[in-house]
Protein backbone atom coordinates (compact mmCIF):
# COMPACT_ATOMS: atom_id res chain seq x y z
CA UNK A 1 0.00 0.00 0.00
CA UNK A 2 1.13 3.52 -0.76
CA UNK A 3 1.11 4.82 2.80
CA UNK A 4 3.35 1.94 3.96
CA UNK A 5 6.07 2.88 1.45
CA UNK A 6 6.09 6.50 2.66
CA UNK A 7 9.02 7.12 5.00
CA UNK A 8 7.31 9.93 6.88
CA UNK A 9 5.70 8.94 10.15
CA UNK A 10 1.97 9.34 10.47
CA UNK A 11 0.68 12.13 12.65
CA UNK A 12 -2.30 11.27 14.79
CA UNK A 13 -4.65 13.97 15.96
CA UNK A 14 -5.78 14.32 19.52
CA UNK A 15 -9.28 12.75 19.71
CA UNK A 16 -10.67 15.94 21.33
CA UNK A 17 -9.46 18.08 18.44
CA UNK A 18 -10.90 15.65 15.94
CA UNK A 19 -14.25 15.51 17.77
CA UNK A 20 -14.49 19.31 17.93
CA UNK A 21 -14.14 19.49 14.14
CA UNK A 22 -17.49 17.74 13.76
CA UNK A 23 -19.45 19.72 16.35
CA UNK A 24 -22.46 21.73 15.23
CA UNK A 25 -23.33 25.27 16.32
CA UNK A 26 -26.72 26.94 16.63
CA UNK A 27 -27.68 30.30 18.08
CA UNK A 28 -30.28 30.60 20.84
CA UNK A 29 -31.70 33.56 22.76
CA UNK A 30 -31.65 33.27 26.54
CA UNK A 31 -35.12 33.79 28.04
CA UNK A 32 -36.02 35.83 31.12
CA UNK A 33 -35.48 32.82 33.39
CA UNK A 34 -31.89 32.35 32.17
CA UNK A 35 -32.71 29.30 30.04
CA UNK A 36 -32.59 28.32 26.39
CA UNK A 37 -34.74 25.85 24.48
CA UNK A 38 -32.94 23.19 22.49
CA UNK A 39 -34.60 20.15 20.90
CA UNK A 40 -37.79 20.91 22.88
CA UNK A 41 -35.92 20.82 26.20
CA UNK A 42 -34.90 23.61 28.55
CA UNK A 43 -31.28 24.16 29.54
CA UNK A 44 -30.10 26.54 32.25
CA UNK A 45 -27.56 29.03 30.94
CA UNK A 46 -27.54 31.63 33.72
CA UNK A 47 -29.16 34.91 34.63
CA UNK A 48 -26.12 36.82 33.39
CA UNK A 49 -27.11 36.03 29.81
CA UNK A 50 -30.81 37.02 29.91
CA UNK A 51 -31.75 38.51 26.53
CA UNK A 52 -28.41 37.57 24.95
CA UNK A 53 -27.94 35.36 21.92
CA UNK A 54 -25.52 32.55 22.75
CA UNK A 55 -23.91 29.88 20.58
CA UNK A 56 -24.85 26.30 21.42
CA UNK A 57 -22.12 23.84 20.48
CA UNK A 58 -23.18 20.19 20.30
CA UNK A 59 -22.53 16.79 18.80
CA UNK A 60 -25.58 15.91 16.67
CA UNK A 61 -25.08 12.22 17.52
CA UNK A 62 -25.24 12.96 21.28
CA UNK A 63 -27.12 16.04 22.44
CA UNK A 64 -26.94 15.09 26.11
CA UNK A 65 -24.16 17.65 26.55
CA UNK A 66 -24.33 21.24 25.30
CA UNK A 67 -21.52 23.76 25.44
CA UNK A 68 -22.44 27.43 25.56
CA UNK A 69 -20.19 30.10 24.08
CA UNK A 70 -20.58 33.84 24.45
CA UNK A 71 -18.08 36.53 23.56
CA UNK A 72 -15.92 37.54 26.51
CA UNK A 73 -16.78 34.42 28.56
CA UNK A 74 -15.20 31.00 28.87
CA UNK A 75 -17.23 28.21 27.20
CA UNK A 76 -19.29 26.23 29.73
CA UNK A 77 -21.67 23.28 29.88
CA UNK A 78 -25.41 24.00 30.03
CA UNK A 79 -27.46 22.12 32.60
CA UNK A 80 -30.69 20.45 31.46
CA UNK A 81 -33.58 21.57 33.66
CA UNK A 82 -35.82 18.53 33.15
CA UNK A 83 -38.62 20.73 31.81
CA UNK A 84 -39.74 21.13 28.23
CA UNK A 85 -42.85 22.22 26.40
CA UNK A 86 -44.75 20.56 23.62
CA UNK A 87 -47.40 22.67 21.97
CA UNK A 88 -50.41 21.30 20.16
CA UNK A 89 -51.73 23.68 17.50
CA UNK A 90 -55.13 21.98 17.22
CA UNK A 91 -56.16 22.34 20.84
CA UNK A 92 -53.99 25.37 21.61
CA UNK A 93 -52.80 23.86 24.88
CA UNK A 94 -49.30 23.55 26.15
CA UNK A 95 -48.07 20.67 28.23
CA UNK A 96 -45.14 20.95 30.58
CA UNK A 97 -43.32 17.69 31.21
CA UNK A 98 -41.24 17.18 34.33
CA UNK A 99 -38.74 14.36 34.42
CA UNK A 100 -38.89 12.47 37.68
CA UNK A 101 -36.51 9.88 39.14
CA UNK A 102 -36.70 6.60 37.25
CA UNK A 103 -37.22 8.31 33.89
CA UNK A 104 -40.98 8.80 34.26
CA UNK A 105 -42.68 12.05 33.35
CA UNK A 106 -45.39 14.05 35.06
CA UNK A 107 -47.62 16.18 32.84
CA UNK A 108 -49.14 19.54 33.66
CA UNK A 109 -51.66 20.92 31.16
CA UNK A 110 -51.79 24.68 30.73
CA UNK A 111 -54.75 25.89 28.68
CA UNK A 112 -54.45 29.04 26.61
CA UNK A 113 -57.11 31.73 26.71
CA UNK A 114 -57.24 31.94 22.91
CA UNK A 115 -59.09 29.29 20.92
CA UNK A 116 -58.04 28.24 17.42
CA UNK A 117 -59.62 30.32 14.67
CA UNK A 118 -60.87 32.94 17.15
C-alpha atoms as a PDB file:
ATOM      1  CA  UNK A   1       0.000   0.000   0.000  1.00  0.00           C
ATOM      2  CA  UNK A   2       1.135   3.524  -0.759  1.00  0.00           C
ATOM      3  CA  UNK A   3       1.114   4.817   2.805  1.00  0.00           C
ATOM      4  CA  UNK A   4       3.353   1.943   3.957  1.00  0.00           C
ATOM      5  CA  UNK A   5       6.066   2.883   1.454  1.00  0.00           C
ATOM      6  CA  UNK A   6       6.094   6.501   2.659  1.00  0.00           C
ATOM      7  CA  UNK A   7       9.017   7.118   5.004  1.00  0.00           C
ATOM      8  CA  UNK A   8       7.306   9.931   6.876  1.00  0.00           C
ATOM      9  CA  UNK A   9       5.701   8.943  10.145  1.00  0.00           C
ATOM     10  CA  UNK A  10       1.973   9.336  10.470  1.00  0.00           C
ATOM     11  CA  UNK A  11       0.680  12.128  12.653  1.00  0.00           C
ATOM     12  CA  UNK A  12      -2.302  11.267  14.789  1.00  0.00           C
ATOM     13  CA  UNK A  13      -4.654  13.974  15.960  1.00  0.00           C
ATOM     14  CA  UNK A  14      -5.776  14.316  19.524  1.00  0.00           C
ATOM     15  CA  UNK A  15      -9.284  12.755  19.709  1.00  0.00           C
ATOM     16  CA  UNK A  16     -10.675  15.937  21.328  1.00  0.00           C
ATOM     17  CA  UNK A  17      -9.455  18.081  18.438  1.00  0.00           C
ATOM     18  CA  UNK A  18     -10.898  15.646  15.936  1.00  0.00           C
ATOM     19  CA  UNK A  19     -14.254  15.509  17.771  1.00  0.00           C
ATOM     20  CA  UNK A  20     -14.492  19.313  17.926  1.00  0.00           C
ATOM     21  CA  UNK A  21     -14.136  19.492  14.135  1.00  0.00           C
ATOM     22  CA  UNK A  22     -17.493  17.739  13.760  1.00  0.00           C
ATOM     23  CA  UNK A  23     -19.453  19.723  16.351  1.00  0.00           C
ATOM     24  CA  UNK A  24     -22.461  21.734  15.232  1.00  0.00           C
ATOM     25  CA  UNK A  25     -23.326  25.269  16.317  1.00  0.00           C
ATOM     26  CA  UNK A  26     -26.721  26.941  16.633  1.00  0.00           C
ATOM     27  CA  UNK A  27     -27.685  30.304  18.077  1.00  0.00           C
ATOM     28  CA  UNK A  28     -30.282  30.601  20.841  1.00  0.00           C
ATOM     29  CA  UNK A  29     -31.701  33.562  22.764  1.00  0.00           C
ATOM     30  CA  UNK A  30     -31.653  33.272  26.544  1.00  0.00           C
ATOM     31  CA  UNK A  31     -35.124  33.786  28.035  1.00  0.00           C
ATOM     32  CA  UNK A  32     -36.024  35.825  31.123  1.00  0.00           C
ATOM     33  CA  UNK A  33     -35.478  32.824  33.387  1.00  0.00           C
ATOM     34  CA  UNK A  34     -31.885  32.354  32.168  1.00  0.00           C
ATOM     35  CA  UNK A  35     -32.710  29.299  30.035  1.00  0.00           C
ATOM     36  CA  UNK A  36     -32.588  28.324  26.386  1.00  0.00           C
ATOM     37  CA  UNK A  37     -34.741  25.846  24.482  1.00  0.00           C
ATOM     38  CA  UNK A  38     -32.942  23.187  22.491  1.00  0.00           C
ATOM     39  CA  UNK A  39     -34.596  20.146  20.899  1.00  0.00           C
ATOM     40  CA  UNK A  40     -37.792  20.907  22.883  1.00  0.00           C
ATOM     41  CA  UNK A  41     -35.918  20.819  26.196  1.00  0.00           C
ATOM     42  CA  UNK A  42     -34.896  23.608  28.548  1.00  0.00           C
ATOM     43  CA  UNK A  43     -31.279  24.163  29.539  1.00  0.00           C
ATOM     44  CA  UNK A  44     -30.099  26.535  32.253  1.00  0.00           C
ATOM     45  CA  UNK A  45     -27.558  29.028  30.944  1.00  0.00           C
ATOM     46  CA  UNK A  46     -27.539  31.631  33.723  1.00  0.00           C
ATOM     47  CA  UNK A  47     -29.162  34.909  34.632  1.00  0.00           C
ATOM     48  CA  UNK A  48     -26.116  36.823  33.390  1.00  0.00           C
ATOM     49  CA  UNK A  49     -27.113  36.029  29.806  1.00  0.00           C
ATOM     50  CA  UNK A  50     -30.812  37.024  29.913  1.00  0.00           C
ATOM     51  CA  UNK A  51     -31.751  38.506  26.533  1.00  0.00           C
ATOM     52  CA  UNK A  52     -28.409  37.568  24.946  1.00  0.00           C
ATOM     53  CA  UNK A  53     -27.944  35.356  21.918  1.00  0.00           C
ATOM     54  CA  UNK A  54     -25.523  32.545  22.747  1.00  0.00           C
ATOM     55  CA  UNK A  55     -23.907  29.881  20.581  1.00  0.00           C
ATOM     56  CA  UNK A  56     -24.852  26.303  21.417  1.00  0.00           C
ATOM     57  CA  UNK A  57     -22.123  23.836  20.478  1.00  0.00           C
ATOM     58  CA  UNK A  58     -23.184  20.193  20.303  1.00  0.00           C
ATOM     59  CA  UNK A  59     -22.530  16.792  18.803  1.00  0.00           C
ATOM     60  CA  UNK A  60     -25.576  15.905  16.671  1.00  0.00           C
ATOM     61  CA  UNK A  61     -25.075  12.219  17.524  1.00  0.00           C
ATOM     62  CA  UNK A  62     -25.236  12.956  21.276  1.00  0.00           C
ATOM     63  CA  UNK A  63     -27.118  16.044  22.441  1.00  0.00           C
ATOM     64  CA  UNK A  64     -26.938  15.087  26.111  1.00  0.00           C
ATOM     65  CA  UNK A  65     -24.159  17.647  26.554  1.00  0.00           C
ATOM     66  CA  UNK A  66     -24.331  21.243  25.300  1.00  0.00           C
ATOM     67  CA  UNK A  67     -21.517  23.762  25.439  1.00  0.00           C
ATOM     68  CA  UNK A  68     -22.444  27.435  25.560  1.00  0.00           C
ATOM     69  CA  UNK A  69     -20.191  30.099  24.084  1.00  0.00           C
ATOM     70  CA  UNK A  70     -20.584  33.841  24.451  1.00  0.00           C
ATOM     71  CA  UNK A  71     -18.079  36.526  23.558  1.00  0.00           C
ATOM     72  CA  UNK A  72     -15.924  37.545  26.514  1.00  0.00           C
ATOM     73  CA  UNK A  73     -16.781  34.423  28.560  1.00  0.00           C
ATOM     74  CA  UNK A  74     -15.205  30.997  28.874  1.00  0.00           C
ATOM     75  CA  UNK A  75     -17.229  28.208  27.203  1.00  0.00           C
ATOM     76  CA  UNK A  76     -19.287  26.232  29.735  1.00  0.00           C
ATOM     77  CA  UNK A  77     -21.670  23.282  29.882  1.00  0.00           C
ATOM     78  CA  UNK A  78     -25.412  23.999  30.031  1.00  0.00           C
ATOM     79  CA  UNK A  79     -27.461  22.118  32.603  1.00  0.00           C
ATOM     80  CA  UNK A  80     -30.693  20.455  31.464  1.00  0.00           C
ATOM     81  CA  UNK A  81     -33.582  21.574  33.657  1.00  0.00           C
ATOM     82  CA  UNK A  82     -35.817  18.535  33.153  1.00  0.00           C
ATOM     83  CA  UNK A  83     -38.622  20.731  31.813  1.00  0.00           C
ATOM     84  CA  UNK A  84     -39.743  21.125  28.235  1.00  0.00           C
ATOM     85  CA  UNK A  85     -42.853  22.218  26.401  1.00  0.00           C
ATOM     86  CA  UNK A  86     -44.749  20.561  23.616  1.00  0.00           C
ATOM     87  CA  UNK A  87     -47.404  22.670  21.970  1.00  0.00           C
ATOM     88  CA  UNK A  88     -50.413  21.301  20.157  1.00  0.00           C
ATOM     89  CA  UNK A  89     -51.726  23.683  17.497  1.00  0.00           C
ATOM     90  CA  UNK A  90     -55.129  21.975  17.224  1.00  0.00           C
ATOM     91  CA  UNK A  91     -56.162  22.344  20.842  1.00  0.00           C
ATOM     92  CA  UNK A  92     -53.991  25.368  21.611  1.00  0.00           C
ATOM     93  CA  UNK A  93     -52.805  23.859  24.878  1.00  0.00           C
ATOM     94  CA  UNK A  94     -49.297  23.548  26.147  1.00  0.00           C
ATOM     95  CA  UNK A  95     -48.068  20.666  28.226  1.00  0.00           C
ATOM     96  CA  UNK A  96     -45.142  20.954  30.584  1.00  0.00           C
ATOM     97  CA  UNK A  97     -43.323  17.693  31.212  1.00  0.00           C
ATOM     98  CA  UNK A  98     -41.241  17.180  34.329  1.00  0.00           C
ATOM     99  CA  UNK A  99     -38.737  14.360  34.422  1.00  0.00           C
ATOM    100  CA  UNK A 100     -38.891  12.468  37.684  1.00  0.00           C
ATOM    101  CA  UNK A 101     -36.515   9.875  39.142  1.00  0.00           C
ATOM    102  CA  UNK A 102     -36.700   6.603  37.253  1.00  0.00           C
ATOM    103  CA  UNK A 103     -37.224   8.315  33.895  1.00  0.00           C
ATOM    104  CA  UNK A 104     -40.981   8.796  34.260  1.00  0.00           C
ATOM    105  CA  UNK A 105     -42.679  12.046  33.354  1.00  0.00           C
ATOM    106  CA  UNK A 106     -45.393  14.049  35.055  1.00  0.00           C
ATOM    107  CA  UNK A 107     -47.621  16.176  32.838  1.00  0.00           C
ATOM    108  CA  UNK A 108     -49.136  19.545  33.660  1.00  0.00           C
ATOM    109  CA  UNK A 109     -51.662  20.919  31.164  1.00  0.00           C
ATOM    110  CA  UNK A 110     -51.787  24.682  30.729  1.00  0.00           C
ATOM    111  CA  UNK A 111     -54.749  25.894  28.675  1.00  0.00           C
ATOM    112  CA  UNK A 112     -54.453  29.037  26.612  1.00  0.00           C
ATOM    113  CA  UNK A 113     -57.114  31.733  26.710  1.00  0.00           C
ATOM    114  CA  UNK A 114     -57.236  31.943  22.908  1.00  0.00           C
ATOM    115  CA  UNK A 115     -59.094  29.289  20.922  1.00  0.00           C
ATOM    116  CA  UNK A 116     -58.039  28.238  17.419  1.00  0.00           C
ATOM    117  CA  UNK A 117     -59.623  30.322  14.667  1.00  0.00           C
ATOM    118  CA  UNK A 118     -60.867  32.938  17.151  1.00  0.00           C
END
